[in-house]
C-alpha atoms as a PDB file:
ATOM      1  CA  MET A   1      25.301 -34.069  46.147  1.00  0.00           C
ATOM      2  CA  ASP A   2      26.893 -34.752  42.664  1.00  0.00           C
ATOM      3  CA  ASP A   3      25.628 -37.340  40.484  1.00  0.00           C
ATOM      4  CA  SER A   4      27.803 -40.626  40.381  1.00  0.00           C
ATOM      5  CA  PRO A   5      29.225 -41.409  36.749  1.00  0.00           C
ATOM      6  CA  ALA A   6      26.615 -44.323  36.524  1.00  0.00           C
ATOM      7  CA  GLN A   7      23.732 -41.939  37.387  1.00  0.00           C
ATOM      8  CA  ARG A   8      25.108 -39.261  34.732  1.00  0.00           C
ATOM      9  CA  GLN A   9      25.347 -41.998  32.237  1.00  0.00           C
ATOM     10  CA  SER A  10      21.831 -43.107  32.917  1.00  0.00           C
ATOM     11  CA  ARG A  11      20.567 -39.587  32.600  1.00  0.00           C
ATOM     12  CA  ILE A  12      22.350 -39.148  29.055  1.00  0.00           C
ATOM     13  CA  MET A  13      20.834 -42.623  27.963  1.00  0.00           C
ATOM     14  CA  ALA A  14      17.316 -41.467  28.759  1.00  0.00           C
ATOM     15  CA  LEU A  15      17.777 -38.038  27.088  1.00  0.00           C
ATOM     16  CA  THR A  16      19.380 -39.451  23.849  1.00  0.00           C
ATOM     17  CA  ARG A  17      16.583 -42.444  23.559  1.00  0.00           C
ATOM     18  CA  GLU A  18      14.041 -39.901  24.297  1.00  0.00           C
ATOM     19  CA  ARG A  19      15.119 -37.569  21.584  1.00  0.00           C
ATOM     20  CA  GLY A  20      16.604 -39.916  19.000  1.00  0.00           C
ATOM     21  CA  ALA A  21      19.678 -37.663  18.700  1.00  0.00           C
ATOM     22  CA  VAL A  22      21.166 -34.655  20.785  1.00  0.00           C
ATOM     23  CA  SER A  23      24.040 -32.444  20.304  1.00  0.00           C
ATOM     24  CA  THR A  24      26.867 -32.785  22.745  1.00  0.00           C
ATOM     25  CA  ALA A  25      26.453 -28.907  23.504  1.00  0.00           C
ATOM     26  CA  GLU A  26      22.709 -29.446  24.328  1.00  0.00           C
ATOM     27  CA  LEU A  27      23.460 -32.528  26.445  1.00  0.00           C
ATOM     28  CA  GLY A  28      25.739 -30.523  28.622  1.00  0.00           C
ATOM     29  CA  GLU A  29      23.202 -27.509  29.133  1.00  0.00           C
ATOM     30  CA  LEU A  30      20.421 -29.742  29.892  1.00  0.00           C
ATOM     31  CA  LEU A  31      22.437 -32.086  32.230  1.00  0.00           C
ATOM     32  CA  ASP A  32      24.416 -29.233  33.711  1.00  0.00           C
ATOM     33  CA  LEU A  33      27.450 -31.020  33.160  1.00  0.00           C
ATOM     34  CA  PRO A  34      31.160 -29.809  32.874  1.00  0.00           C
ATOM     35  CA  ALA A  35      32.746 -30.394  29.639  1.00  0.00           C
ATOM     36  CA  ALA A  36      35.171 -32.756  30.832  1.00  0.00           C
ATOM     37  CA  ALA A  37      32.628 -35.089  32.848  1.00  0.00           C
ATOM     38  CA  LEU A  38      30.575 -35.171  29.639  1.00  0.00           C
ATOM     39  CA  ARG A  39      33.627 -36.377  27.407  1.00  0.00           C
ATOM     40  CA  ARG A  40      34.399 -39.104  29.925  1.00  0.00           C
ATOM     41  CA  ASP A  41      30.950 -40.381  30.061  1.00  0.00           C
ATOM     42  CA  LEU A  42      30.217 -40.264  26.464  1.00  0.00           C
ATOM     43  CA  ARG A  43      33.529 -42.286  25.744  1.00  0.00           C
ATOM     44  CA  LYS A  44      32.520 -44.782  28.441  1.00  0.00           C
ATOM     45  CA  LEU A  45      29.173 -45.160  26.807  1.00  0.00           C
ATOM     46  CA  GLU A  46      30.422 -45.310  23.191  1.00  0.00           C
ATOM     47  CA  ALA A  47      33.147 -47.867  24.387  1.00  0.00           C
ATOM     48  CA  GLU A  48      30.046 -49.992  25.786  1.00  0.00           C
ATOM     49  CA  GLY A  49      28.199 -49.896  22.535  1.00  0.00           C
ATOM     50  CA  SER A  50      25.250 -47.637  23.905  1.00  0.00           C
ATOM     51  CA  VAL A  51      25.804 -44.562  21.930  1.00  0.00           C
ATOM     52  CA  ARG A  52      27.589 -43.521  18.804  1.00  0.00           C
ATOM     53  CA  ARG A  53      28.856 -39.912  18.333  1.00  0.00           C
ATOM     54  CA  GLY A  54      29.439 -37.802  15.161  1.00  0.00           C
ATOM     55  CA  TYR A  55      29.932 -34.296  14.021  1.00  0.00           C
ATOM     56  CA  GLY A  56      28.871 -32.928  17.640  1.00  0.00           C
ATOM     57  CA  MET A  57      26.015 -35.371  17.771  1.00  0.00           C
ATOM     58  CA  VAL A  58      25.125 -38.172  20.152  1.00  0.00           C
ATOM     59  CA  TYR A  59      22.812 -41.067  18.847  1.00  0.00           C
ATOM     60  CA  PRO A  60      21.471 -44.077  20.756  1.00  0.00           C
ATOM     61  CA  VAL A  61      22.511 -47.507  19.347  1.00  0.00           C
ATOM     62  CA  GLU A  62      19.426 -49.692  19.144  1.00  0.00           C
ATOM     63  CA  THR A  63      19.366 -52.729  21.340  1.00  0.00           C
ATOM     64  CA  THR A  64      17.248 -55.818  22.572  1.00  0.00           C
ATOM     65  CA  ARG A  65      15.892 -53.458  25.416  1.00  0.00           C
ATOM     66  CA  TYR A  66      15.731 -50.341  23.241  1.00  0.00           C
ATOM     67  CA  GLU A  67      14.425 -49.283  19.598  1.00  0.00           C
ATOM     68  CA  THR A  68      13.107 -46.248  18.448  1.00  0.00           C
ATOM     69  CA  SER A  69       9.460 -46.176  17.565  1.00  0.00           C
ATOM     70  CA  LEU A  70       8.177 -45.490  14.205  1.00  0.00           C
ATOM     71  CA  ALA A  71       6.430 -42.072  15.569  1.00  0.00           C
ATOM     72  CA  LEU A  72      10.003 -41.122  16.706  1.00  0.00           C
ATOM     73  CA  ARG A  73      11.626 -41.890  13.493  1.00  0.00           C
ATOM     74  CA  GLU A  74       9.152 -39.916  11.623  1.00  0.00           C
ATOM     75  CA  ALA A  75       9.492 -36.879  14.017  1.00  0.00           C
ATOM     76  CA  SER A  76      13.234 -36.905  13.599  1.00  0.00           C
ATOM     77  CA  ASP A  77      13.270 -37.174   9.818  1.00  0.00           C
ATOM     78  CA  SER A  78      16.440 -35.637   8.699  1.00  0.00           C
ATOM     79  CA  ASP A  79      17.623 -34.007   5.485  1.00  0.00           C
ATOM     80  CA  GLU A  80      19.989 -37.027   5.204  1.00  0.00           C
ATOM     81  CA  ARG A  81      17.389 -39.358   5.672  1.00  0.00           C
ATOM     82  CA  ARG A  82      15.359 -37.761   2.740  1.00  0.00           C
ATOM     83  CA  ARG A  83      18.293 -37.846   0.605  1.00  0.00           C
ATOM     84  CA  ILE A  84      19.023 -41.353   1.109  1.00  0.00           C
ATOM     85  CA  ALA A  85      15.274 -42.352   0.470  1.00  0.00           C
ATOM     86  CA  ARG A  86      15.378 -40.417  -2.996  1.00  0.00           C
ATOM     87  CA  ALA A  87      18.560 -41.888  -4.015  1.00  0.00           C
ATOM     88  CA  THR A  88      17.267 -45.391  -3.013  1.00  0.00           C
ATOM     89  CA  ALA A  89      14.216 -45.022  -4.935  1.00  0.00           C
ATOM     90  CA  GLU A  90      16.324 -43.882  -8.076  1.00  0.00           C
ATOM     91  CA  ILE A  91      18.530 -46.993  -7.999  1.00  0.00           C
ATOM     92  CA  VAL A  92      15.502 -49.397  -7.392  1.00  0.00           C
ATOM     93  CA  ASP A  93      13.573 -47.714 -10.154  1.00  0.00           C
ATOM     94  CA  ASP A  94      16.555 -48.558 -12.636  1.00  0.00           C
ATOM     95  CA  TRP A  95      16.509 -52.337 -11.599  1.00  0.00           C
ATOM     96  CA  LEU A  96      12.845 -52.737 -11.973  1.00  0.00           C
ATOM     97  CA  ASP A  97      10.709 -53.145 -15.135  1.00  0.00           C
ATOM     98  CA  ASP A  98       6.972 -53.432 -15.447  1.00  0.00           C
ATOM     99  CA  ASN A  99       5.458 -56.188 -13.306  1.00  0.00           C
ATOM    100  CA  SER A 100       8.653 -56.816 -11.365  1.00  0.00           C
ATOM    101  CA  THR A 101       8.257 -57.945  -7.760  1.00  0.00           C
ATOM    102  CA  LEU A 102       9.905 -55.715  -4.783  1.00  0.00           C
ATOM    103  CA  PHE A 103      10.277 -56.371  -1.086  1.00  0.00           C
ATOM    104  CA  ILE A 104       9.730 -53.210   0.963  1.00  0.00           C
ATOM    105  CA  ASP A 105      11.204 -53.491   4.510  1.00  0.00           C
ATOM    106  CA  GLU A 106       9.650 -52.270   7.349  1.00  0.00           C
ATOM    107  CA  GLY A 107      11.064 -48.925   8.849  1.00  0.00           C
ATOM    108  CA  ARG A 108      10.940 -45.245   8.155  1.00  0.00           C
ATOM    109  CA  THR A 109      13.813 -44.750   5.512  1.00  0.00           C
ATOM    110  CA  THR A 110      12.343 -47.639   3.337  1.00  0.00           C
ATOM    111  CA  LEU A 111       8.872 -46.155   3.875  1.00  0.00           C
ATOM    112  CA  LEU A 112      10.062 -42.723   2.413  1.00  0.00           C
ATOM    113  CA  ALA A 113      12.095 -44.523  -0.351  1.00  0.00           C
ATOM    114  CA  ALA A 114       8.765 -46.378  -1.461  1.00  0.00           C
ATOM    115  CA  ALA A 115       7.072 -43.073  -1.712  1.00  0.00           C
ATOM    116  CA  HIS A 116       9.722 -41.894  -4.341  1.00  0.00           C
ATOM    117  CA  LEU A 117       9.081 -44.910  -6.667  1.00  0.00           C
ATOM    118  CA  ARG A 118       8.042 -44.062  -9.991  1.00  0.00           C
ATOM    119  CA  CYS A 119       4.206 -44.444 -10.648  1.00  0.00           C
ATOM    120  CA  ASP A 120       4.114 -45.128 -14.310  1.00  0.00           C
ATOM    121  CA  ARG A 121       4.378 -49.125 -14.086  1.00  0.00           C
ATOM    122  CA  ARG A 122       2.585 -51.911 -11.903  1.00  0.00           C
ATOM    123  CA  LEU A 123       4.541 -53.632  -9.623  1.00  0.00           C
ATOM    124  CA  THR A 124       4.075 -56.521  -7.164  1.00  0.00           C
ATOM    125  CA  ILE A 125       4.953 -55.298  -3.771  1.00  0.00           C
ATOM    126  CA  VAL A 126       5.743 -57.491  -0.794  1.00  0.00           C
ATOM    127  CA  THR A 127       6.041 -55.926   2.643  1.00  0.00           C
ATOM    128  CA  PRO A 128       5.628 -56.719   6.316  1.00  0.00           C
ATOM    129  CA  SER A 129       5.063 -52.887   6.714  1.00  0.00           C
ATOM    130  CA  LEU A 130       1.582 -51.600   7.526  1.00  0.00           C
ATOM    131  CA  PRO A 131       2.278 -48.201   7.103  1.00  0.00           C
ATOM    132  CA  ALA A 132       3.908 -49.124   3.633  1.00  0.00           C
ATOM    133  CA  ALA A 133       1.131 -51.322   2.393  1.00  0.00           C
ATOM    134  CA  VAL A 134      -1.414 -48.356   3.334  1.00  0.00           C
ATOM    135  CA  GLU A 135       0.480 -45.633   1.585  1.00  0.00           C
ATOM    136  CA  LEU A 136       1.061 -47.703  -1.572  1.00  0.00           C
ATOM    137  CA  ALA A 137      -2.208 -48.888  -1.757  1.00  0.00           C
ATOM    138  CA  SER A 138      -3.685 -45.401  -1.765  1.00  0.00           C
ATOM    139  CA  THR A 139      -1.237 -43.520  -4.031  1.00  0.00           C
ATOM    140  CA  ALA A 140      -0.114 -46.097  -6.748  1.00  0.00           C
ATOM    141  CA  ASP A 141      -1.592 -48.960  -8.884  1.00  0.00           C
ATOM    142  CA  HIS A 142       0.564 -51.633  -7.574  1.00  0.00           C
ATOM    143  CA  GLU A 143      -0.293 -55.173  -6.492  1.00  0.00           C
ATOM    144  CA  ILE A 144       0.331 -55.163  -2.551  1.00  0.00           C
ATOM    145  CA  LEU A 145       0.919 -58.135  -0.669  1.00  0.00           C
ATOM    146  CA  LEU A 146       1.008 -57.773   2.997  1.00  0.00           C
ATOM    147  CA  LEU A 147       2.778 -60.393   4.855  1.00  0.00           C
ATOM    148  CA  GLY A 148       0.456 -61.722   7.751  1.00  0.00           C
ATOM    149  CA  GLY A 149       1.730 -62.468  11.352  1.00  0.00           C
ATOM    150  CA  ARG A 150       2.260 -60.476  14.661  1.00  0.00           C
ATOM    151  CA  VAL A 151       2.100 -57.010  14.498  1.00  0.00           C
ATOM    152  CA  ARG A 152       4.916 -55.272  16.330  1.00  0.00           C
ATOM    153  CA  ALA A 153       3.554 -52.114  18.126  1.00  0.00           C
ATOM    154  CA  ARG A 154       6.789 -49.822  17.931  1.00  0.00           C
ATOM    155  CA  THR A 155       7.128 -50.269  14.290  1.00  0.00           C
ATOM    156  CA  LEU A 156       3.703 -51.603  12.730  1.00  0.00           C
ATOM    157  CA  GLY A 157       5.674 -54.335  11.038  1.00  0.00           C
ATOM    158  CA  THR A 158       4.606 -58.072  10.866  1.00  0.00           C
ATOM    159  CA  VAL A 159       6.849 -61.032  12.213  1.00  0.00           C
ATOM    160  CA  ASP A 160       7.006 -64.586  13.276  1.00  0.00           C
ATOM    161  CA  TYR A 161       6.151 -67.697  11.218  1.00  0.00           C
ATOM    162  CA  TRP A 162       3.507 -66.809   9.505  1.00  0.00           C
ATOM    163  CA  ALA A 163       5.129 -63.816   7.860  1.00  0.00           C
ATOM    164  CA  ARG A 164       8.304 -65.906   7.314  1.00  0.00           C
ATOM    165  CA  ASP A 165       6.744 -68.728   5.675  1.00  0.00           C
ATOM    166  CA  MET A 166       4.546 -66.483   3.384  1.00  0.00           C
ATOM    167  CA  LEU A 167       7.633 -64.859   2.262  1.00  0.00           C
ATOM    168  CA  SER A 168       9.615 -68.073   1.771  1.00  0.00           C
ATOM    169  CA  GLY A 169       7.317 -68.807  -1.118  1.00  0.00           C
ATOM    170  CA  PHE A 170       8.183 -65.946  -3.301  1.00  0.00           C
ATOM    171  CA  ALA A 171      10.823 -65.329  -5.744  1.00  0.00           C
ATOM    172  CA  ILE A 172      11.442 -61.595  -5.383  1.00  0.00           C
ATOM    173  CA  ASP A 173      13.371 -59.292  -7.848  1.00  0.00           C
ATOM    174  CA  VAL A 174      14.767 -56.502  -5.496  1.00  0.00           C
ATOM    175  CA  ALA A 175      14.420 -56.263  -1.818  1.00  0.00           C
ATOM    176  CA  MET A 176      14.821 -52.654  -0.293  1.00  0.00           C
ATOM    177  CA  LEU A 177      15.924 -53.158   3.283  1.00  0.00           C
ATOM    178  CA  GLY A 178      16.988 -51.188   6.228  1.00  0.00           C
ATOM    179  CA  SER A 179      19.277 -52.361   9.061  1.00  0.00           C
ATOM    180  CA  ASN A 180      19.900 -50.965  12.496  1.00  0.00           C
ATOM    181  CA  GLY A 181      23.346 -51.769  12.570  1.00  0.00           C
ATOM    182  CA  ILE A 182      26.174 -52.431   9.724  1.00  0.00           C
ATOM    183  CA  SER A 183      29.919 -53.574  10.688  1.00  0.00           C
ATOM    184  CA  GLN A 184      32.426 -55.472   8.853  1.00  0.00           C
ATOM    185  CA  GLN A 185      32.824 -57.772  11.894  1.00  0.00           C
ATOM    186  CA  GLN A 186      29.243 -58.533  12.522  1.00  0.00           C
ATOM    187  CA  GLY A 187      27.289 -57.912   9.227  1.00  0.00           C
ATOM    188  CA  LEU A 188      23.766 -56.411   9.210  1.00  0.00           C
ATOM    189  CA  THR A 189      21.893 -56.675  12.412  1.00  0.00           C
ATOM    190  CA  THR A 190      18.773 -55.622  14.096  1.00  0.00           C
ATOM    191  CA  PRO A 191      17.610 -55.787  17.613  1.00  0.00           C
ATOM    192  CA  ASP A 192      14.562 -58.264  17.180  1.00  0.00           C
ATOM    193  CA  PRO A 193      15.349 -61.851  16.251  1.00  0.00           C
ATOM    194  CA  ALA A 194      11.800 -62.188  14.793  1.00  0.00           C
ATOM    195  CA  VAL A 195      12.604 -58.942  12.631  1.00  0.00           C
ATOM    196  CA  SER A 196      15.778 -60.559  11.759  1.00  0.00           C
ATOM    197  CA  ALA A 197      14.080 -63.646  10.612  1.00  0.00           C
ATOM    198  CA  ILE A 198      12.070 -61.684   8.024  1.00  0.00           C
ATOM    199  CA  LYS A 199      15.000 -59.657   6.853  1.00  0.00           C
ATOM    200  CA  SER A 200      16.973 -62.726   6.435  1.00  0.00           C
ATOM    201  CA  MET A 201      14.435 -64.449   4.287  1.00  0.00           C
ATOM    202  CA  ALA A 202      13.898 -61.341   2.168  1.00  0.00           C
ATOM    203  CA  VAL A 203      17.775 -61.674   1.523  1.00  0.00           C
ATOM    204  CA  ARG A 204      17.331 -65.410   0.725  1.00  0.00           C
ATOM    205  CA  VAL A 205      14.712 -65.071  -1.657  1.00  0.00           C
ATOM    206  CA  SER A 206      15.544 -61.981  -3.748  1.00  0.00           C
ATOM    207  CA  ARG A 207      17.893 -61.546  -6.615  1.00  0.00           C
ATOM    208  CA  LYS A 208      19.148 -58.156  -6.125  1.00  0.00           C
ATOM    209  CA  ARG A 209      19.257 -56.386  -2.432  1.00  0.00           C
ATOM    210  CA  ILE A 210      19.641 -52.809  -1.660  1.00  0.00           C
ATOM    211  CA  VAL A 211      20.173 -51.198   1.797  1.00  0.00           C
ATOM    212  CA  ALA A 212      19.113 -47.766   2.811  1.00  0.00           C
ATOM    213  CA  ALA A 213      20.685 -46.485   6.165  1.00  0.00           C
ATOM    214  CA  GLU A 214      21.873 -43.302   7.615  1.00  0.00           C
ATOM    215  CA  HIS A 215      25.629 -43.193   8.208  1.00  0.00           C
ATOM    216  CA  THR A 216      25.110 -43.413  12.060  1.00  0.00           C
ATOM    217  CA  LYS A 217      24.042 -46.952  11.403  1.00  0.00           C
ATOM    218  CA  PHE A 218      27.410 -48.016  10.346  1.00  0.00           C
ATOM    219  CA  GLY A 219      30.269 -49.061  12.439  1.00  0.00           C
ATOM    220  CA  VAL A 220      28.040 -50.335  15.100  1.00  0.00           C
ATOM    221  CA  HIS A 221      25.865 -53.791  15.885  1.00  0.00           C
ATOM    222  CA  SER A 222      22.806 -54.837  17.096  1.00  0.00           C
ATOM    223  CA  PHE A 223      21.973 -58.259  18.456  1.00  0.00           C
ATOM    224  CA  ALA A 224      20.324 -60.500  15.587  1.00  0.00           C
ATOM    225  CA  ARG A 225      22.480 -60.787  12.491  1.00  0.00           C
ATOM    226  CA  PHE A 226      20.220 -61.141   9.062  1.00  0.00           C
ATOM    227  CA  ALA A 227      23.018 -60.698   6.261  1.00  0.00           C
ATOM    228  CA  THR A 228      26.792 -60.203   5.562  1.00  0.00           C
ATOM    229  CA  MET A 229      28.000 -57.145   3.802  1.00  0.00           C
ATOM    230  CA  SER A 230      28.671 -59.402   0.583  1.00  0.00           C
ATOM    231  CA  ASP A 231      25.012 -60.254   0.405  1.00  0.00           C
ATOM    232  CA  ILE A 232      24.227 -56.664  -0.486  1.00  0.00           C
ATOM    233  CA  GLU A 233      24.510 -55.301  -4.003  1.00  0.00           C
ATOM    234  CA  THR A 234      24.473 -51.517  -3.100  1.00  0.00           C
ATOM    235  CA  PHE A 235      24.465 -49.781   0.332  1.00  0.00           C
ATOM    236  CA  VAL A 236      22.839 -45.986   0.241  1.00  0.00           C
ATOM    237  CA  THR A 237      23.943 -43.853   2.921  1.00  0.00           C
ATOM    238  CA  GLY A 238      24.926 -40.189   3.983  1.00  0.00           C
ATOM    239  CA  GLU A 239      28.157 -38.651   2.832  1.00  0.00           C
ATOM    240  CA  ARG A 240      29.486 -38.515   6.292  1.00  0.00           C
ATOM    241  CA  LEU A 241      30.263 -42.034   6.426  1.00  0.00           C
ATOM    242  CA  SER A 242      33.981 -42.374   7.340  1.00  0.00           C
ATOM    243  CA  PRO A 243      36.544 -43.321   4.842  1.00  0.00           C
ATOM    244  CA  SER A 244      37.343 -46.416   6.412  1.00  0.00           C
ATOM    245  CA  LEU A 245      33.912 -47.720   6.692  1.00  0.00           C
ATOM    246  CA  ALA A 246      33.439 -46.904   2.760  1.00  0.00           C
ATOM    247  CA  ARG A 247      36.330 -48.922   1.934  1.00  0.00           C
ATOM    248  CA  SER A 248      35.054 -51.682   3.882  1.00  0.00           C
ATOM    249  CA  ILE A 249      31.867 -51.887   2.081  1.00  0.00           C
ATOM    250  CA  VAL A 250      33.637 -51.871  -1.299  1.00  0.00           C
ATOM    251  CA  HIS A 251      36.168 -54.484  -0.059  1.00  0.00           C
ATOM    252  CA  HIS A 252      33.091 -56.855   0.272  1.00  0.00           C
ATOM    253  CA  GLY A 253      32.187 -56.237  -3.278  1.00  0.00           C
ATOM    254  CA  ALA A 254      29.050 -54.029  -2.652  1.00  0.00           C
ATOM    255  CA  GLY A 255      28.206 -50.735  -4.565  1.00  0.00           C
ATOM    256  CA  LEU A 256      28.114 -47.715  -2.405  1.00  0.00           C
ATOM    257  CA  ARG A 257      26.105 -44.298  -3.058  1.00  0.00           C
ATOM    258  CA  LEU A 258      27.094 -41.469  -0.916  1.00  0.00           C
ATOM    259  CA  VAL A 259      24.320 -38.772  -0.667  1.00  0.00           C
END
């Protein structure tokens, strides 16, 4: 007996969440679905905000019930993500002087960007990310301040009031942020309110803010808002960003670098 539309869509979601991204051609083959049925199911899932499509690929949208793990993000590092990380580090390097303070957000793209920062000056780095703290402490002569708090197993980032209160007492020169969703209507969003609280505080206490995010993060939104688009000085993303989304970023007064 053929699967019902709901069963087919459940299988599509399971595969995209398992892999982080999958081509429409591969979905059709793996699920043995006719092209017409697959197109209908993907249109419905995209309308619901469960997936996002682009350039023959299907990406899961992160929600309160689903968020990719750090291991999956690392395994699915793309050329676009690496380009974004390098470009972000270049911009941040131009903004920082010796003894400047830098907030590094949890997440894979910001971790990659941190690895590309120049090592010829000493920074004070504040981060909720255990992987970022370990990597930077072992590779550069920076002062590393790890925010204390509950550790999220999926991302190894610290959250809750200990981390938020510690961060609230700082004055940060530059905040390097990631975001699960970026849209004109909802601003910058993330699935977990506890993470949103840390990001929101970083936006509040920093002098300049830069967001590094793949183009698939734009035009979608998650659950908890931590900033508006006008709060950000510069967005760095892939060159596949749609022209309409690029115009909306510029309309809000932010800089935009496509790589």
